[in-house]
Amino acid sequence: MNEILMAITVVAGLALLGAASMLPWDTSLDVGLYLSAAGFAIGLPTGTMYHVVLWREMKHLPGGVPKGWIWNPIAHHHKLSSAALRRVRPWFFVGGFGFVVISAGLAMMVLSMISVLAGFTA
């Protein structure tokens, strides 16, 4: 499964690079801006819900919620039951997808700015 996700990421990155180089720089910049905005619209609420649901599930653990869990929440997934993981994972994956969309938008904006600075403008 991880190999498939890595392959999809590489193909998506190459498609993004191709799109950024084929579009005029200002269109590429706009597309990157809209992608980032969409990623924030998806990622912020779902990422917040992931942390809330994870905290709710961890407070029922024998030791309670560990200190510093917020800085590395994934490290505590193994402590959860399978039922708790089923409640946490959807928020985790959708929030992660939002982060990927934000990153793709930012990369597209950076590529459009590099194309202007390098003189590759259409």
C-alpha atoms as a PDB file:
ATOM      1  CA  MET A   1       0.000   0.000   0.000  1.00  0.00           C
ATOM      2  CA  ASN A   2       2.788   2.439   0.846  1.00  0.00           C
ATOM      3  CA  GLU A   3       4.461   1.792  -2.504  1.00  0.00           C
ATOM      4  CA  ILE A   4       1.273   2.694  -4.334  1.00  0.00           C
ATOM      5  CA  LEU A   5       1.007   5.957  -2.395  1.00  0.00           C
ATOM      6  CA  MET A   6       4.627   6.797  -3.159  1.00  0.00           C
ATOM      7  CA  ALA A   7       4.104   6.086  -6.865  1.00  0.00           C
ATOM      8  CA  ILE A   8       0.974   8.252  -6.923  1.00  0.00           C
ATOM      9  CA  THR A   9       2.880  11.037  -5.164  1.00  0.00           C
ATOM     10  CA  VAL A  10       5.709  10.918  -7.701  1.00  0.00           C
ATOM     11  CA  VAL A  11       3.297  10.951 -10.650  1.00  0.00           C
ATOM     12  CA  ALA A  12       1.300  13.800  -9.116  1.00  0.00           C
ATOM     13  CA  GLY A  13       4.511  15.753  -8.509  1.00  0.00           C
ATOM     14  CA  LEU A  14       5.604  15.297 -12.104  1.00  0.00           C
ATOM     15  CA  ALA A  15       2.163  16.349 -13.332  1.00  0.00           C
ATOM     16  CA  LEU A  16       2.353  19.427 -11.116  1.00  0.00           C
ATOM     17  CA  LEU A  17       5.782  20.283 -12.453  1.00  0.00           C
ATOM     18  CA  GLY A  18       4.547  19.853 -16.027  1.00  0.00           C
ATOM     19  CA  ALA A  19       1.466  21.973 -15.391  1.00  0.00           C
ATOM     20  CA  ALA A  20       3.503  24.716 -13.767  1.00  0.00           C
ATOM     21  CA  SER A  21       5.893  24.829 -16.716  1.00  0.00           C
ATOM     22  CA  MET A  22       3.168  24.823 -19.400  1.00  0.00           C
ATOM     23  CA  LEU A  23       0.958  27.513 -17.938  1.00  0.00           C
ATOM     24  CA  PRO A  24       1.756  31.212 -17.933  1.00  0.00           C
ATOM     25  CA  TRP A  25       3.399  32.152 -14.651  1.00  0.00           C
ATOM     26  CA  ASP A  26       0.453  34.204 -13.376  1.00  0.00           C
ATOM     27  CA  THR A  27      -2.024  31.399 -14.077  1.00  0.00           C
ATOM     28  CA  SER A  28       0.303  28.921 -12.398  1.00  0.00           C
ATOM     29  CA  LEU A  29       0.548  31.239  -9.405  1.00  0.00           C
ATOM     30  CA  ASP A  30      -3.256  31.512  -9.215  1.00  0.00           C
ATOM     31  CA  VAL A  31      -3.723  27.743  -9.477  1.00  0.00           C
ATOM     32  CA  GLY A  32      -1.183  27.260  -6.692  1.00  0.00           C
ATOM     33  CA  LEU A  33      -2.974  29.820  -4.554  1.00  0.00           C
ATOM     34  CA  TYR A  34      -6.337  28.122  -5.083  1.00  0.00           C
ATOM     35  CA  LEU A  35      -4.840  24.697  -4.404  1.00  0.00           C
ATOM     36  CA  SER A  36      -3.342  25.936  -1.138  1.00  0.00           C
ATOM     37  CA  ALA A  37      -6.611  27.572  -0.125  1.00  0.00           C
ATOM     38  CA  ALA A  38      -8.504  24.354  -0.846  1.00  0.00           C
ATOM     39  CA  GLY A  39      -5.931  22.400   1.150  1.00  0.00           C
ATOM     40  CA  PHE A  40      -6.339  24.730   4.109  1.00  0.00           C
ATOM     41  CA  ALA A  41     -10.134  24.465   3.836  1.00  0.00           C
ATOM     42  CA  ILE A  42      -9.839  20.674   3.952  1.00  0.00           C
ATOM     43  CA  GLY A  43      -6.839  20.236   6.226  1.00  0.00           C
ATOM     44  CA  LEU A  44      -7.446  22.672   9.063  1.00  0.00           C
ATOM     45  CA  PRO A  45     -10.863  21.425  10.207  1.00  0.00           C
ATOM     46  CA  THR A  46     -10.058  17.752   9.685  1.00  0.00           C
ATOM     47  CA  GLY A  47      -6.622  18.064  11.285  1.00  0.00           C
ATOM     48  CA  THR A  48      -8.213  19.755  14.273  1.00  0.00           C
ATOM     49  CA  MET A  49     -10.835  17.022  14.522  1.00  0.00           C
ATOM     50  CA  TYR A  50      -8.090  14.383  14.308  1.00  0.00           C
ATOM     51  CA  HIS A  51      -6.361  15.870  17.346  1.00  0.00           C
ATOM     52  CA  VAL A  52      -9.647  16.227  19.258  1.00  0.00           C
ATOM     53  CA  VAL A  53     -10.728  12.636  18.521  1.00  0.00           C
ATOM     54  CA  LEU A  54      -7.249  11.294  19.310  1.00  0.00           C
ATOM     55  CA  TRP A  55      -7.213  13.159  22.637  1.00  0.00           C
ATOM     56  CA  ARG A  56     -10.667  11.793  23.495  1.00  0.00           C
ATOM     57  CA  GLU A  57      -9.512   8.265  22.758  1.00  0.00           C
ATOM     58  CA  MET A  58      -6.219   8.617  24.647  1.00  0.00           C
ATOM     59  CA  LYS A  59      -7.841   9.971  27.801  1.00  0.00           C
ATOM     60  CA  HIS A  60      -9.344   6.505  28.306  1.00  0.00           C
ATOM     61  CA  LEU A  61      -5.915   4.841  28.252  1.00  0.00           C
ATOM     62  CA  PRO A  62      -4.493   3.548  31.570  1.00  0.00           C
ATOM     63  CA  GLY A  63      -1.907   6.323  31.837  1.00  0.00           C
ATOM     64  CA  GLY A  64      -4.197   9.002  30.449  1.00  0.00           C
ATOM     65  CA  VAL A  65      -3.046  11.459  27.814  1.00  0.00           C
ATOM     66  CA  PRO A  66       0.774  11.471  27.695  1.00  0.00           C
ATOM     67  CA  LYS A  67       2.632  14.749  28.048  1.00  0.00           C
ATOM     68  CA  GLY A  68       3.860  16.176  24.768  1.00  0.00           C
ATOM     69  CA  TRP A  69       1.534  13.992  22.689  1.00  0.00           C
ATOM     70  CA  ILE A  70       0.581  16.963  20.515  1.00  0.00           C
ATOM     71  CA  TRP A  71       4.115  17.179  19.051  1.00  0.00           C
ATOM     72  CA  ASN A  72       4.138  13.576  17.819  1.00  0.00           C
ATOM     73  CA  PRO A  73       0.592  12.239  17.909  1.00  0.00           C
ATOM     74  CA  ILE A  74       1.274   9.397  15.448  1.00  0.00           C
ATOM     75  CA  ALA A  75       3.631   7.806  17.979  1.00  0.00           C
ATOM     76  CA  HIS A  76       0.628   7.059  20.178  1.00  0.00           C
ATOM     77  CA  HIS A  77      -1.539   5.277  17.602  1.00  0.00           C
ATOM     78  CA  HIS A  78      -0.186   1.891  18.674  1.00  0.00           C
ATOM     79  CA  LYS A  79      -1.650   2.387  22.152  1.00  0.00           C
ATOM     80  CA  LEU A  80      -5.211   2.622  20.815  1.00  0.00           C
ATOM     81  CA  SER A  81      -7.647  -0.231  20.383  1.00  0.00           C
ATOM     82  CA  SER A  82      -8.792  -1.175  16.903  1.00  0.00           C
ATOM     83  CA  ALA A  83     -12.182   0.458  17.565  1.00  0.00           C
ATOM     84  CA  ALA A  84     -10.473   3.688  18.630  1.00  0.00           C
ATOM     85  CA  LEU A  85      -8.227   3.584  15.575  1.00  0.00           C
ATOM     86  CA  ARG A  86     -11.302   3.268  13.349  1.00  0.00           C
ATOM     87  CA  ARG A  87     -12.559   6.541  14.840  1.00  0.00           C
ATOM     88  CA  VAL A  88      -9.197   8.328  14.571  1.00  0.00           C
ATOM     89  CA  ARG A  89      -7.841   7.216  11.189  1.00  0.00           C
ATOM     90  CA  PRO A  90     -10.399   8.855   8.857  1.00  0.00           C
ATOM     91  CA  TRP A  91      -9.602  12.268  10.336  1.00  0.00           C
ATOM     92  CA  PHE A  92      -5.887  11.475  10.156  1.00  0.00           C
ATOM     93  CA  PHE A  93      -5.958  10.544   6.461  1.00  0.00           C
ATOM     94  CA  VAL A  94      -8.208  13.394   5.324  1.00  0.00           C
ATOM     95  CA  GLY A  95      -6.162  15.910   7.327  1.00  0.00           C
ATOM     96  CA  GLY A  96      -2.997  14.472   5.771  1.00  0.00           C
ATOM     97  CA  PHE A  97      -4.550  14.791   2.319  1.00  0.00           C
ATOM     98  CA  GLY A  98      -5.257  18.461   3.067  1.00  0.00           C
ATOM     99  CA  PHE A  99      -1.593  18.922   3.986  1.00  0.00           C
ATOM    100  CA  VAL A 100      -0.529  17.323   0.686  1.00  0.00           C
ATOM    101  CA  VAL A 101      -2.837  19.674  -1.246  1.00  0.00           C
ATOM    102  CA  ILE A 102      -1.416  22.677   0.637  1.00  0.00           C
ATOM    103  CA  SER A 103       2.118  21.512  -0.164  1.00  0.00           C
ATOM    104  CA  ALA A 104       1.261  21.008  -3.844  1.00  0.00           C
ATOM    105  CA  GLY A 105      -0.195  24.502  -4.072  1.00  0.00           C
ATOM    106  CA  LEU A 106       2.830  26.043  -2.392  1.00  0.00           C
ATOM    107  CA  ALA A 107       5.157  24.084  -4.692  1.00  0.00           C
ATOM    108  CA  MET A 108       3.241  25.316  -7.730  1.00  0.00           C
ATOM    109  CA  MET A 109       3.483  28.920  -6.525  1.00  0.00           C
ATOM    110  CA  VAL A 110       7.225  28.565  -5.920  1.00  0.00           C
ATOM    111  CA  LEU A 111       7.711  27.013  -9.369  1.00  0.00           C
ATOM    112  CA  SER A 112       5.838  29.880 -10.995  1.00  0.00           C
ATOM    113  CA  MET A 113       8.004  32.416  -9.174  1.00  0.00           C
ATOM    114  CA  ILE A 114      11.173  30.554 -10.153  1.00  0.00           C
ATOM    115  CA  SER A 115      10.041  30.567 -13.780  1.00  0.00           C
ATOM    116  CA  VAL A 116       9.694  34.352 -13.643  1.00  0.00           C
ATOM    117  CA  LEU A 117      13.078  34.828 -11.996  1.00  0.00           C
ATOM    118  CA  ALA A 118      14.765  32.441 -14.430  1.00  0.00           C
ATOM    119  CA  GLY A 119      13.180  34.130 -17.430  1.00  0.00           C
ATOM    120  CA  PHE A 120      11.042  31.181 -18.502  1.00  0.00           C
ATOM    121  CA  THR A 121       7.857  33.202 -18.707  1.00  0.00           C
ATOM    122  CA  ALA A 122       5.410  32.682 -21.542  1.00  0.00           C
END
